[in-house]
Amino acid sequence: MARLSSEDREKILADFHTGVFSQRELAKKYGVSPATINKMTKNLTPKNKHIVNTKVSLITELSEQSEHEVNAIEQAVQQQTKHLIFFQNSALKNQELANKQLNEDSELYDLKLHADLTSKNKQTVLGKDIDTQVNINNNQQTNIQEIGVTFLDEDENENT
């Protein structure tokens, strides 16, 4: 039997991680022995099974919507994804520039700036920007307080 290429190994593991295929099915699909699949996947757990299940659920829900609703949802998802990718790419470019600058300058102040920028970029790329979360929470609290004030003002106007 021929040796598996690294690309074939990646494909087998990608299929395994969906949690959809048994080891026997993978062996048949890729023309290898079940023992080969067993060795490759030993001690591994399908890490993307929840993503597959989530996508199936979403597609099922979308099938119950009108064509206009599906289009609106798709456009909203594309818009949000576009912004996410833009900010991730910007953070990566900022990091590349910071790394280049660090190689040219190595003063303590520059190291501190680089560390701060690296931390912010990491948070942005990984989706863990604490400042954004705090701002969102503050905005939500502000909106709730404004709604409360609006209701109080209306009630006071009715009583007078």
Foldseek 3Di string as FASTA:
>chain_A
DDDDDVVLLVVLLLVVLLVPDDLVRSCVVSVHDSVVSCVSCPPHDNNCVVVNVVVVVVVVVLVPDDPVVNVVVVVVVVVVVVVLVVLLVVLVVVLVVLVVVCVVDPDPVSVVVNVVSPVQSVCSNVVNRPVVVVVVVVVVVVVVVVVVVVVVVVVVVVVD
